Protein backbone atom coordinates (compact mmCIF):
# COMPACT_ATOMS: atom_id res chain seq x y z
CA MET A 1 134.61 92.92 128.88
CA PRO A 2 132.36 93.16 125.78
CA ASP A 3 133.96 93.55 122.38
CA TYR A 4 132.93 97.15 121.75
CA HIS A 5 134.10 98.66 118.48
CA PRO A 6 136.11 101.94 118.43
CA GLY A 7 133.05 104.11 117.75
CA GLU A 8 131.24 102.80 120.81
CA LEU A 9 134.34 103.20 122.97
CA GLU A 10 134.81 106.77 121.74
CA VAL A 11 131.25 107.80 122.68
CA GLN A 12 131.43 105.97 126.01
CA THR A 13 134.64 107.81 126.84
CA ARG A 14 133.26 111.20 125.87
CA ALA A 15 130.13 110.53 127.96
CA GLY A 16 132.28 109.36 130.89
CA VAL A 17 130.58 105.97 131.27
CA GLN A 18 133.35 103.52 130.38
CA THR A 19 133.16 101.61 133.66
CA GLY A 20 129.39 101.28 133.58
CA ALA A 21 129.43 100.29 129.92
CA ALA A 22 131.97 97.55 130.58
CA ARG A 23 129.80 96.17 133.39
CA ILE A 24 126.50 96.34 131.53
CA GLY A 25 128.08 94.97 128.38
CA LYS A 26 128.66 91.64 130.11
CA SER A 27 124.95 90.95 129.55
CA ILE A 28 125.53 90.70 125.79
CA ARG A 29 125.70 87.10 124.63
CA SER A 30 125.74 85.30 121.29
CA THR A 31 122.98 82.85 122.18
CA ILE A 32 119.28 83.26 123.01
CA PRO A 33 118.32 82.32 126.59
CA LEU A 34 115.19 80.21 127.06
CA ALA A 35 113.23 83.14 128.54
CA ALA A 36 114.18 85.28 125.53
CA GLN A 37 113.13 82.52 123.14
CA ALA A 38 109.70 82.42 124.78
CA PHE A 39 109.44 86.21 124.59
CA LEU A 40 110.22 86.25 120.87
CA GLN A 41 107.69 83.54 120.08
CA ASP A 42 104.93 85.58 121.76
CA GLN A 43 105.51 88.74 119.73
CA ARG A 44 103.46 90.16 116.86
CA MET A 45 106.06 92.61 115.53
CA ILE A 46 109.79 92.95 115.03
CA ILE A 47 111.79 95.91 113.71
CA VAL A 48 114.80 95.10 111.54
CA SER A 49 117.80 97.12 110.41
CA THR A 50 119.49 96.50 107.06
CA VAL A 51 121.65 98.30 104.50
CA ASP A 52 120.86 98.75 100.80
CA TRP A 53 123.28 98.38 97.90
CA GLU A 54 124.17 102.08 98.10
CA GLY A 55 125.09 101.81 101.77
CA ARG A 56 121.92 103.46 103.10
CA ALA A 57 120.52 102.14 106.36
CA TRP A 58 116.82 101.34 106.69
CA ALA A 59 114.53 100.40 109.57
CA SER A 60 111.66 98.12 108.56
CA MET A 61 108.73 96.44 110.30
CA LEU A 62 107.65 92.82 110.04
CA THR A 63 104.49 91.52 111.73
CA GLY A 64 102.60 88.27 112.15
CA GLU A 65 100.67 86.02 114.43
CA PRO A 66 102.32 84.81 117.67
CA GLY A 67 104.85 82.22 116.57
CA PHE A 68 105.89 84.01 113.37
CA LEU A 69 109.22 84.44 115.20
CA LYS A 70 110.71 81.02 115.89
CA THR A 71 113.90 79.96 117.64
CA PRO A 72 114.76 76.44 116.44
CA ASP A 73 117.96 76.61 118.46
CA GLU A 74 119.75 79.09 120.71
CA GLU A 75 121.65 80.66 117.83
CA THR A 76 118.88 81.00 115.25
CA VAL A 77 115.83 83.19 114.71
CA GLU A 78 113.39 82.39 111.91
CA ILE A 79 111.07 85.18 110.76
CA ASN A 80 108.05 83.82 108.91
CA ALA A 81 106.87 87.08 107.35
CA ALA A 82 107.33 89.15 104.22
CA PRO A 83 107.64 92.93 104.00
CA HIS A 84 105.46 95.15 101.86
CA PRO A 85 106.87 94.98 98.29
CA SER A 86 107.79 98.68 98.43
CA ASP A 87 109.78 98.30 101.63
CA PRO A 88 113.54 98.57 100.96
CA LEU A 89 113.94 95.42 103.07
CA CYS A 90 112.89 93.40 100.02
CA GLU A 91 116.06 94.36 98.20
CA ASN A 92 118.34 94.48 101.24
CA LEU A 93 118.09 90.83 102.31
CA HIS A 94 120.90 88.57 101.16
CA VAL A 95 122.73 85.61 102.64
CA GLY A 96 125.61 86.76 104.80
CA GLY A 97 124.24 90.28 105.12
CA ALA A 98 124.15 91.97 108.51
CA ILE A 99 120.78 92.43 110.18
CA GLY A 100 119.77 94.02 113.47
CA MET A 101 116.45 93.35 115.21
CA ILE A 102 114.47 94.68 118.14
CA ALA A 103 111.35 92.99 119.50
CA ILE A 104 109.18 95.11 121.75
CA ASP A 105 106.04 94.47 123.79
CA PHE A 106 104.43 97.86 124.34
CA GLU A 107 101.96 96.56 126.92
CA THR A 108 104.61 95.15 129.27
CA ARG A 109 107.37 97.56 128.18
CA ARG A 110 109.73 94.65 127.55
CA ARG A 111 112.18 94.65 124.67
CA MET A 112 115.17 92.70 123.43
CA ARG A 113 117.68 93.13 120.66
CA VAL A 114 119.19 90.49 118.40
CA ASN A 115 121.94 91.31 115.93
CA GLY A 116 123.34 88.81 113.49
CA HIS A 117 123.66 87.72 109.88
CA VAL A 118 121.18 86.35 107.39
CA LYS A 119 121.56 82.61 106.80
CA SER A 120 118.63 82.23 104.41
CA GLU A 121 116.08 84.54 102.78
CA ARG A 122 114.18 82.30 100.38
CA ARG A 123 111.07 80.92 102.08
CA ASN A 124 111.60 82.85 105.31
CA ILE A 125 114.27 85.00 106.92
CA VAL A 126 116.72 82.93 108.95
CA VAL A 127 119.18 84.81 111.15
CA HIS A 128 122.26 83.50 112.94
CA THR A 129 122.71 85.45 116.17
CA ASP A 130 125.89 87.36 117.05
CA GLN A 131 124.57 89.60 119.85
CA VAL A 132 121.54 89.03 122.08
CA TYR A 133 120.56 91.24 125.01
CA ALA A 134 117.60 92.79 126.80
CA ASN A 135 117.02 96.51 127.28
CA CYS A 136 115.47 98.41 130.18
CA PRO A 137 111.86 99.67 129.84
CA LYS A 138 112.82 103.36 129.73
CA TYR A 139 110.91 105.67 127.38
CA ILE A 140 108.46 103.00 126.14
CA GLN A 141 104.89 104.31 125.98
CA ALA A 142 102.41 101.67 127.12
CA ARG A 143 100.02 100.55 124.40
CA VAL A 144 97.58 97.65 124.09
CA LEU A 145 97.22 95.69 120.88
CA GLN A 146 93.66 96.01 119.60
CA THR A 147 93.66 93.95 116.41
CA GLU A 148 93.50 90.27 117.20
CA GLY A 149 92.65 89.10 113.70
CA THR A 150 95.03 87.26 111.40
CA ASP A 151 97.88 89.20 109.88
CA GLU A 152 97.79 87.75 106.39
CA ARG A 153 101.38 88.66 105.61
CA SER A 154 102.71 86.29 108.28
CA SER A 155 102.44 83.24 106.02
CA SER A 156 105.61 81.82 104.52
CA ILE A 157 106.19 83.21 101.04
CA PRO A 158 108.38 81.47 98.41
CA HIS A 159 111.29 83.46 97.00
CA LEU A 160 111.05 86.29 99.50
CA ARG A 161 113.62 88.42 97.70
CA GLN A 162 111.36 88.66 94.68
CA CYS A 163 108.71 90.55 96.62
CA THR A 164 109.45 93.77 94.75
CA THR A 165 108.99 92.21 91.31
CA GLN A 166 106.29 89.69 92.15
CA ALA A 167 104.04 91.85 94.30
CA GLU A 168 100.99 90.17 92.82
CA ASN A 169 101.99 86.91 94.55
CA LEU A 170 102.02 88.50 98.02
CA VAL A 171 99.05 88.95 100.34
CA HIS A 172 99.06 92.20 102.29
CA ALA A 173 97.22 93.62 105.25
CA SER A 174 95.29 95.86 102.88
CA SER A 175 94.71 95.34 99.16
CA SER A 176 94.76 99.14 98.81
CA ALA A 177 98.14 99.54 100.53
CA GLN A 178 100.12 102.22 98.70
CA ALA A 179 103.67 103.48 98.89
CA ILE A 180 104.88 107.04 98.40
CA ARG A 181 108.58 107.61 97.62
CA GLN A 182 110.32 110.97 97.64
CA GLU A 183 113.47 112.75 98.80
CA GLU A 184 112.01 115.14 101.37
CA LEU A 185 109.15 115.36 103.83
CA THR A 186 105.74 116.71 102.93
CA PRO A 187 104.09 119.06 105.45
CA GLU A 188 101.75 116.21 106.41
CA GLN A 189 104.66 113.88 107.09
CA GLY A 190 106.41 116.56 109.11
CA ALA A 191 103.28 116.99 111.23
CA TRP A 192 103.15 113.19 111.73
CA ILE A 193 106.72 113.17 113.02
CA GLU A 194 106.12 116.10 115.36
CA ARG A 195 103.11 114.26 116.87
CA ALA A 196 105.09 111.07 117.37
CA ASP A 197 106.09 109.75 120.79
CA THR A 198 107.92 106.70 119.44
CA PHE A 199 110.17 105.74 116.55
CA PHE A 200 112.87 103.23 115.69
CA ILE A 201 116.40 103.85 114.45
CA ALA A 202 118.66 101.64 112.33
CA SER A 203 122.44 102.01 112.31
CA CYS A 204 125.34 99.90 111.10
CA HIS A 205 129.08 99.41 111.46
CA ARG A 206 131.39 97.53 109.12
CA ASP A 207 132.68 95.35 111.98
CA GLY A 208 129.83 95.54 114.49
CA GLY A 209 127.03 94.76 112.03
CA CYS A 210 123.54 96.30 111.99
CA ASP A 211 121.52 97.43 114.99
CA ALA A 212 117.88 98.41 115.51
CA SER A 213 116.90 100.50 118.51
CA HIS A 214 113.84 102.20 120.01
CA ARG A 215 113.42 105.87 120.84
CA GLY A 216 110.59 107.36 122.88
CA GLY A 217 109.71 110.80 124.19
CA PRO A 218 106.82 113.20 124.67
CA PRO A 219 105.04 114.35 121.49
CA GLY A 220 107.24 116.98 119.89
CA PHE A 221 110.53 115.46 121.04
CA VAL A 222 111.49 115.13 117.38
CA ARG A 223 111.78 118.59 115.85
CA ILE A 224 111.51 119.32 112.15
CA GLU A 225 114.05 121.93 111.05
CA SER A 226 113.31 121.65 107.32
CA ALA A 227 111.88 119.25 104.78
CA THR A 228 115.20 117.38 104.82
CA ARG A 229 116.44 117.85 108.37
CA LEU A 230 115.26 116.90 111.86
CA VAL A 231 116.74 116.78 115.36
CA PHE A 232 115.91 114.64 118.36
CA PRO A 233 117.29 114.27 121.90
CA ASP A 234 119.36 111.41 123.25
CA TYR A 235 118.29 110.67 126.82
CA SER A 236 120.10 108.65 129.47
CA GLY A 237 120.12 105.03 128.34
CA ASN A 238 121.97 101.76 128.75
CA ARG A 239 125.44 103.37 128.46
CA MET A 240 126.60 100.97 125.77
CA PHE A 241 125.93 103.47 122.96
CA GLN A 242 125.53 101.00 120.12
CA THR A 243 123.52 103.45 118.03
CA LEU A 244 125.63 106.53 118.72
CA GLY A 245 128.81 104.49 118.44
CA ASN A 246 127.78 103.30 114.99
CA ILE A 247 126.81 106.82 113.89
CA SER A 248 130.11 108.29 115.07
CA VAL A 249 131.92 106.01 112.59
CA GLU A 250 129.29 105.42 109.92
CA PRO A 251 126.71 108.23 109.63
CA HIS A 252 124.20 106.32 107.49
CA ALA A 253 121.06 105.70 109.54
CA GLY A 254 117.38 104.95 109.08
CA LEU A 255 114.28 106.00 111.01
CA LEU A 256 110.88 104.28 111.14
CA PHE A 257 107.74 106.02 112.38
CA LEU A 258 104.63 103.89 112.92
CA ASP A 259 101.09 105.24 113.04
CA PHE A 260 99.69 102.98 115.75
CA GLU A 261 96.09 103.75 114.82
CA SER A 262 96.23 103.28 111.04
CA GLY A 263 99.12 100.86 110.51
CA ASP A 264 100.86 103.32 108.16
CA THR A 265 104.65 103.55 108.26
CA LEU A 266 107.10 106.33 107.40
CA GLN A 267 110.68 105.27 106.67
CA LEU A 268 113.51 107.76 106.40
CA SER A 269 117.05 107.03 105.29
CA GLY A 270 119.85 109.56 105.56
CA LYS A 271 122.89 110.61 107.54
CA ALA A 272 123.07 111.32 111.26
CA GLN A 273 125.57 113.01 113.52
CA VAL A 274 125.85 113.33 117.28
CA ILE A 275 125.59 116.88 118.62
CA TRP A 276 127.43 117.58 121.90
CA GLU A 277 127.24 121.39 121.94
CA ARG A 278 125.82 122.41 125.32
CA GLU A 279 123.81 125.35 124.04
CA ARG A 280 121.98 123.24 121.47
CA VAL A 281 121.47 120.33 123.85
CA ALA A 282 120.02 122.66 126.52
CA ALA A 283 117.11 123.46 124.20
CA PHE A 284 115.80 119.90 124.72
CA ALA A 285 114.70 119.14 128.28
CA GLY A 286 116.35 116.01 129.66
CA ALA A 287 118.70 115.57 126.70
CA GLU A 288 122.30 114.53 127.22
CA ARG A 289 123.13 114.84 123.53
CA LEU A 290 121.26 115.43 120.26
CA ILE A 291 121.09 113.55 116.98
CA GLU A 292 120.82 115.61 113.82
CA PHE A 293 119.42 113.66 110.87
CA VAL A 294 119.60 114.76 107.22
CA ILE A 295 117.12 112.95 104.97
CA ASP A 296 118.10 111.35 101.65
CA ARG A 297 115.07 109.13 101.01
CA VAL A 298 111.47 108.89 102.27
CA VAL A 299 109.13 105.91 101.92
CA GLU A 300 105.57 106.18 103.25
CA ILE A 301 103.47 103.00 103.13
CA LYS A 302 99.74 103.20 103.71
CA GLY A 303 98.28 100.21 105.53
CA ALA A 304 101.68 98.58 106.03
CA SER A 305 100.28 96.45 108.87
CA SER A 306 96.88 95.25 110.03
CA LEU A 307 97.92 95.61 113.68
CA ARG A 308 96.50 98.50 115.72
CA TRP A 309 97.47 99.70 119.21
CA GLN A 310 95.57 101.80 121.73
CA PHE A 311 97.57 104.28 123.78
CA VAL A 312 97.53 103.65 127.55
CA GLN A 313 100.21 105.73 129.30
CA TYR A 314 103.40 107.66 128.71
CA SER A 315 106.60 106.30 130.17
CA PRO A 316 107.29 107.60 133.70
CA PHE A 317 110.90 108.21 132.61
CA LEU A 318 110.02 110.93 130.11
CA PRO A 319 111.30 114.43 130.87
CA ASP A 320 108.53 116.92 131.58
CA THR A 321 109.01 118.92 128.40
CA MET A 322 105.37 119.89 127.84
CA GLY A 323 103.00 121.07 130.51
CA SER A 324 100.08 119.65 128.54
CA VAL A 325 101.51 116.14 128.52
CA SER A 326 100.28 114.01 131.37
CA LEU A 327 102.88 111.47 132.37
């Protein structure tokens, strides 16, 4: 049986999936299988979850050419990329710190998660693996990568942790890349979120470490309630409940929205809670629970990546929540 922490066990019990979770959890391992190593080395993007010095969780994006993710052995992942200097990841990396990662191929709808601890963060990010497992393709919208040029930020950069104070030494996807920091959403950012069909969520647990996960749904599945509050559905998933289990114990979480056409990113950090009330859940088609997220910090980065994706098809698993959405 997998070593689930109390938060995960609590949510599994409330959802009535303990037996299934115990069975599926056997797929979690501490080493990276050969097929998973090959998958990682083919990817152009990875999403990482970290915690800042105030305990806030953040989801960040790192990109590069195929091979920027290396697996020198079955317990190590090397990330040869640097974040934008305004990304909180710059300050969050430290040896021994927990880090969660999810690699996703939108074209094939394959994804895998790797959680571990940072071994080195000087010339590149070296992670020792604690948990490695694949996820099903549910709720992934198919997209094809359009930009095949070089992502200049994939080169190894000395003293990675200094990226916030030595921004002039870093090469970015766009020399005009700008960051906007605030404590609530602008109307334009709220409209961006309500158009989104995909985002990533970071969560952490003092014993279980950090975790990065994917969320997908039809446009509008994330609802803006105010400039500092949003709600989104939790659909049927892998039954392990790493994200919800973390949130039930430690509410700090981070969201990352990616504009697939412009390369802009929107990072939110705040506190989340799981909503089980039937009346509220019923307002979201296909939802089994809801997540309510209260925003503390907002970071919008223009031109965060040079990569661009073209939309192909919505996931066939999406609930039919909008008659105008063709699945």
